[in-house]
Each structure stands twice: as structure tokens, then as C-alpha cells.
């Protein structure tokens, strides 16, 4: 699964644009008073101004070359403070065969750089933002994980790991919905997971909207005529 486009919401549009342009050194693809977009490898990331008084916080991960974690860590640590977990600023997920680091942007979104050693994407040059491969994870907060995962399975998206009531990843190492139970603590933070809406376009599958109604998180397929299929 590959994310072509991801749209998130922010209450700090100007500060976020400055962060993604100057700190992460990304080109601004488009912008106006209500949005801006940047290119993260093969994924277009759009931030829209939040229309409510809420302060949305998301989690997403960026794939980097599997041999560049040390350089990427040094590169980002010179710009922002890394998050820590048990006095460590780096994680190794043995069952995923991946190293990861975490930091936050101006809206408090939990951004992860992850080097997946199962993927054949090593490079030999010095690391830069041009080496971002794609956004490979997007956190989706739900009240009940397994029923939502079954819905994703119905859309043709397989589990990446076994069902777990707290967190179940769905997709593959190029693109994963990190399906998380509401209130669960985000790894490498003290923040409890809360739902905020988002939109995604998946290569070969189309556009999807993730929303909440009557305290239930649901995903819909958006047709070109603007209608939705539940």
C-alpha cells in the first residue's frame, strides 16, 4: 500500500508552513490562506486550517533509506529536540526489523523517521530531506480497533501484524494505517491518542475519508462525483 496524498488539519498553519519549509527543508508545492502542501518522497502532504477550536495532533512516519538512520538522526537532532522513551531517543523494533526516531512539529504532531531494514533502499550519499522516500504510516484513532481493522480488510488492506486491541498495523512496509485505540499513549510521548479527521489517497485504490460520527470512527471511499461509499 502506498499513500499518494494525505490531508491533515492544523491550528497553526503559518508556523507549520515555516517548519516544513525551513526545518525539514521541503519545497512548498502549493499554498493559500487555508492550506499548504509539501512533497515527502512519493507522498504529497497537505495541511489545512482547522475550522474548529480544536488543536489536532496526528502521528505519521516517514520511510528513510534503511542504512541512513545515524545520519538522519544527526541531521534532525541539529534542528529539533528528539522525543525520548525510557531515556532513549531511538527505538529498534525487532519484529519489524526497523530503527526509528521521533520528534514533533509546530502543531505537536508526532513525526517518525523509520529505517526499515527489510527494504532494499540503501543509498551511499550523505543524507538530506531529498532522501525521504514516502509517508509510510498514518495513525488512525478508533474506539474499537478490531472492528475498524475488519473494515480495512474489507477494502482489500491486509494486516501487517496480528490483531491487537491496542494497536494493529494494516497494510505493508510502504504504507500502514496504524490503527490505535482511543486513549492509548503514543509511543515516545506522554500524549493520549485522540481522533482527528483526515483524508488519504491510496495508489491503485482511490481517495478515502476518515471521519467520526456518533462517537464512531468510519472510513469512506470518495467517488469522483463527491459522493461517498461507506
Protein backbone atom coordinates (compact mmCIF):
# COMPACT_ATOMS: atom_id res chain seq x y z
CA UNK A 1 0.00 0.00 0.00
CA UNK A 2 1.31 3.42 -0.92
CA UNK A 3 -0.06 6.78 0.22
CA UNK A 4 -0.18 9.20 -2.72
CA UNK A 5 -1.78 12.08 -0.78
CA UNK A 6 -2.52 12.69 2.89
CA UNK A 7 -4.53 15.66 4.15
CA UNK A 8 -4.36 16.64 7.82
CA UNK A 9 -5.63 19.65 9.77
CA UNK A 10 -3.74 22.18 11.87
CA UNK A 11 -4.49 25.15 14.10
CA UNK A 12 -1.08 26.70 13.32
CA UNK A 13 -0.95 26.91 9.54
CA UNK A 14 1.66 29.66 9.25
CA UNK A 15 4.00 28.14 11.83
CA UNK A 16 3.64 24.72 10.23
CA UNK A 17 4.48 26.01 6.77
CA UNK A 18 7.59 27.65 8.19
CA UNK A 19 8.59 24.39 9.93
CA UNK A 20 8.19 22.15 6.91
CA UNK A 21 9.96 24.60 4.62
CA UNK A 22 12.81 25.76 6.82
CA UNK A 23 13.36 22.93 9.31
CA UNK A 24 12.56 19.88 7.18
CA UNK A 25 13.81 21.70 4.07
CA UNK A 26 10.85 20.73 1.91
CA UNK A 27 9.54 22.54 -1.15
CA UNK A 28 6.10 24.13 -0.80
CA UNK A 29 4.05 22.70 -3.66
CA UNK A 30 1.01 24.93 -3.18
CA UNK A 31 -0.35 27.36 -0.63
CA UNK A 32 -3.10 29.85 0.12
CA UNK A 33 -4.76 31.27 3.22
CA UNK A 34 -6.30 27.93 4.16
CA UNK A 35 -3.72 25.29 3.21
CA UNK A 36 -0.24 24.37 2.08
CA UNK A 37 1.27 21.20 0.66
CA UNK A 38 4.75 19.68 0.60
CA UNK A 39 6.26 16.66 -1.11
CA UNK A 40 7.64 13.94 1.16
CA UNK A 41 9.14 11.49 -1.29
CA UNK A 42 6.29 9.98 -3.28
CA UNK A 43 3.64 11.31 -0.86
CA UNK A 44 2.03 14.75 -1.05
CA UNK A 45 1.28 16.01 2.46
CA UNK A 46 -1.40 18.69 2.75
CA UNK A 47 -2.18 20.70 5.86
CA UNK A 48 -5.48 22.57 6.01
CA UNK A 49 -6.51 25.19 8.53
CA UNK A 50 -8.67 23.62 11.19
CA UNK A 51 -12.13 25.15 11.12
CA UNK A 52 -12.91 24.35 14.74
CA UNK A 53 -11.33 25.40 18.01
CA UNK A 54 -9.63 22.00 18.31
CA UNK A 55 -5.88 21.53 18.14
CA UNK A 56 -5.38 18.40 16.02
CA UNK A 57 -2.48 16.07 16.74
CA UNK A 58 -1.59 13.22 14.40
CA UNK A 59 1.09 10.58 14.14
CA UNK A 60 2.78 9.75 10.86
CA UNK A 61 6.05 8.11 9.85
CA UNK A 62 8.45 8.77 7.00
CA UNK A 63 10.46 5.97 5.42
CA UNK A 64 14.14 6.80 5.04
CA UNK A 65 16.91 4.69 3.46
CA UNK A 66 17.48 1.65 5.62
CA UNK A 67 21.18 2.45 6.09
CA UNK A 68 20.80 6.14 6.98
CA UNK A 69 19.34 6.23 10.50
CA UNK A 70 22.53 7.51 12.10
CA UNK A 71 22.88 10.36 9.60
CA UNK A 72 19.16 11.17 9.66
CA UNK A 73 19.20 11.29 13.43
CA UNK A 74 22.14 13.67 13.46
CA UNK A 75 20.52 15.81 10.75
CA UNK A 76 17.18 16.27 12.52
CA UNK A 77 18.65 16.48 16.04
CA UNK A 78 20.54 19.60 14.96
CA UNK A 79 17.19 21.23 14.22
CA UNK A 80 14.68 19.93 16.80
CA UNK A 81 14.65 18.10 20.10
CA UNK A 82 14.14 14.36 19.75
CA UNK A 83 11.47 12.67 21.83
CA UNK A 84 12.60 10.03 24.30
CA UNK A 85 11.25 6.82 25.78
CA UNK A 86 12.92 5.42 28.91
CA UNK A 87 15.86 7.82 28.42
CA UNK A 88 16.43 6.62 24.84
CA UNK A 89 15.96 8.79 21.76
CA UNK A 90 15.94 5.84 19.35
CA UNK A 91 13.93 2.63 19.07
CA UNK A 92 14.65 -0.72 17.46
CA UNK A 93 11.58 -2.79 16.70
CA UNK A 94 12.89 -6.32 16.48
CA UNK A 95 9.76 -7.90 15.00
CA UNK A 96 9.64 -5.13 12.37
CA UNK A 97 13.43 -5.12 11.80
CA UNK A 98 13.40 -1.33 11.88
CA UNK A 99 15.02 1.60 13.70
CA UNK A 100 13.02 4.75 14.43
CA UNK A 101 13.32 8.22 15.95
CA UNK A 102 10.56 10.66 16.90
CA UNK A 103 10.10 14.43 17.13
CA UNK A 104 7.24 16.93 17.00
CA UNK A 105 6.35 19.68 14.57
CA UNK A 106 4.81 23.06 15.44
CA UNK A 107 1.32 21.58 15.90
CA UNK A 108 2.60 18.83 18.16
CA UNK A 109 2.21 16.12 15.54
CA UNK A 110 4.36 13.10 16.32
CA UNK A 111 6.65 12.65 13.35
CA UNK A 112 8.71 9.48 12.99
CA UNK A 113 11.68 8.69 10.78
CA UNK A 114 11.87 4.93 10.27
CA UNK A 115 14.57 2.85 8.58
CA UNK A 116 13.05 -0.48 7.57
CA UNK A 117 15.89 -2.93 7.08
CA UNK A 118 13.73 -5.39 5.14
CA UNK A 119 13.52 -2.90 2.27
CA UNK A 120 16.24 -2.68 -0.36
CA UNK A 121 16.58 1.11 -0.42
CA UNK A 122 20.10 1.85 0.85
CA UNK A 123 21.93 4.88 -0.58
CA UNK A 124 25.58 5.90 -0.44
CA UNK A 125 25.42 9.71 -0.47
CA UNK A 126 25.04 11.98 2.54
CA UNK A 127 21.51 12.12 3.96
CA UNK A 128 19.20 15.07 3.24
CA UNK A 129 15.48 15.74 3.02
CA UNK A 130 15.71 14.59 -0.58
CA UNK A 131 16.10 11.07 0.78
CA UNK A 132 12.60 10.96 2.30
CA UNK A 133 11.01 8.01 0.49
CA UNK A 134 7.35 8.33 1.43
CA UNK A 135 4.97 8.67 4.33
CA UNK A 136 4.67 5.04 5.35
CA UNK A 137 2.47 5.25 8.45
CA UNK A 138 -0.61 7.21 9.43
CA UNK A 139 -2.18 6.83 12.85
CA UNK A 140 -5.96 6.29 12.89
CA UNK A 141 -7.57 6.58 16.33
CA UNK A 142 -10.67 4.46 16.90
CA UNK A 143 -12.90 3.44 19.79
CA UNK A 144 -12.61 -0.29 18.95
CA UNK A 145 -9.58 -1.41 16.97
CA UNK A 146 -10.56 -4.85 15.64
CA UNK A 147 -13.92 -3.91 14.05
CA UNK A 148 -12.24 -1.00 12.27
CA UNK A 149 -9.42 -3.27 11.12
CA UNK A 150 -12.01 -5.66 9.68
CA UNK A 151 -13.39 -2.74 7.67
CA UNK A 152 -9.93 -2.03 6.28
CA UNK A 153 -9.57 -5.72 5.47
CA UNK A 154 -12.84 -5.47 3.51
CA UNK A 155 -11.29 -2.63 1.48
CA UNK A 156 -8.56 -5.13 0.50
CA UNK A 157 -5.93 -4.00 3.01
CA UNK A 158 -4.30 -6.88 4.93
CA UNK A 159 -3.00 -6.84 8.49
CA UNK A 160 0.73 -6.21 8.71
CA UNK A 161 0.87 -7.89 12.13
CA UNK A 162 -1.63 -9.88 14.17
CA UNK A 163 -4.77 -8.33 15.65
CA UNK A 164 -4.20 -6.40 18.86
CA UNK A 165 -6.86 -4.42 20.74
CA UNK A 166 -4.40 -1.62 21.50
CA UNK A 167 -2.65 -1.21 18.14
CA UNK A 168 -2.95 -3.11 14.87
CA UNK A 169 -1.00 -2.08 11.76
CA UNK A 170 -2.74 -2.63 8.43
CA UNK A 171 -1.04 -2.51 5.03
CA UNK A 172 2.63 -3.13 4.33
CA UNK A 173 6.03 -1.53 4.90
CA UNK A 174 5.41 1.04 2.16
CA UNK A 175 2.15 2.19 3.72
CA UNK A 176 0.45 1.35 7.01
CA UNK A 177 -2.63 2.50 8.85
CA UNK A 178 -1.52 2.38 12.49
CA UNK A 179 -4.93 1.65 13.99
CA UNK A 180 -4.84 2.71 17.65
CA UNK A 181 -7.36 2.53 20.47
CA UNK A 182 -8.50 5.92 21.69
CA UNK A 183 -6.70 6.98 24.85
CA UNK A 184 -3.67 4.74 24.25
CA UNK A 185 -0.39 6.58 24.80
CA UNK A 186 1.53 7.40 21.67
CA UNK A 187 4.96 5.79 21.82
CA UNK A 188 7.79 8.22 22.68
CA UNK A 189 5.33 10.80 24.06
CA UNK A 190 3.04 11.38 27.02
CA UNK A 191 0.13 12.14 24.69
CA UNK A 192 -3.02 10.05 24.66
CA UNK A 193 -4.32 9.19 21.20
CA UNK A 194 -7.31 11.31 20.15
CA UNK A 195 -9.31 11.16 16.93
CA UNK A 196 -8.97 13.85 14.26
CA UNK A 197 -10.25 13.57 10.70
CA UNK A 198 -8.04 13.05 7.69
CA UNK A 199 -8.15 12.24 4.00
CA UNK A 200 -5.91 9.82 2.12
CA UNK A 201 -5.42 8.75 -1.46
CA UNK A 202 -4.03 5.25 -1.85
CA UNK A 203 -2.28 4.28 -5.06
CA UNK A 204 -4.50 1.99 -7.12
CA UNK A 205 -7.42 2.28 -4.70
CA UNK A 206 -8.55 5.90 -4.75
CA UNK A 207 -9.43 8.50 -2.15
CA UNK A 208 -10.69 7.76 1.35
CA UNK A 209 -12.04 9.97 4.13
CA UNK A 210 -11.67 9.07 7.79
CA UNK A 211 -14.30 10.77 9.95
CA UNK A 212 -16.21 10.37 13.18
CA UNK A 213 -19.96 10.33 13.71
CA UNK A 214 -21.87 9.45 16.86
CA UNK A 215 -18.57 8.58 18.60
CA UNK A 216 -17.72 6.06 15.87
CA UNK A 217 -14.73 6.31 13.54
CA UNK A 218 -15.51 5.29 9.99
CA UNK A 219 -13.75 5.24 6.62
CA UNK A 220 -15.47 6.01 3.35
CA UNK A 221 -14.43 5.76 -0.27
CA UNK A 222 -14.82 9.10 -2.03
CA UNK A 223 -16.05 8.89 -5.60
CA UNK A 224 -15.06 11.41 -8.26
CA UNK A 225 -18.56 12.91 -8.16
CA UNK A 226 -18.01 13.80 -4.50
CA UNK A 227 -20.30 11.10 -3.17
CA UNK A 228 -19.12 8.56 -0.64
CA UNK A 229 -19.39 4.82 -0.27
CA UNK A 230 -19.49 3.54 3.31
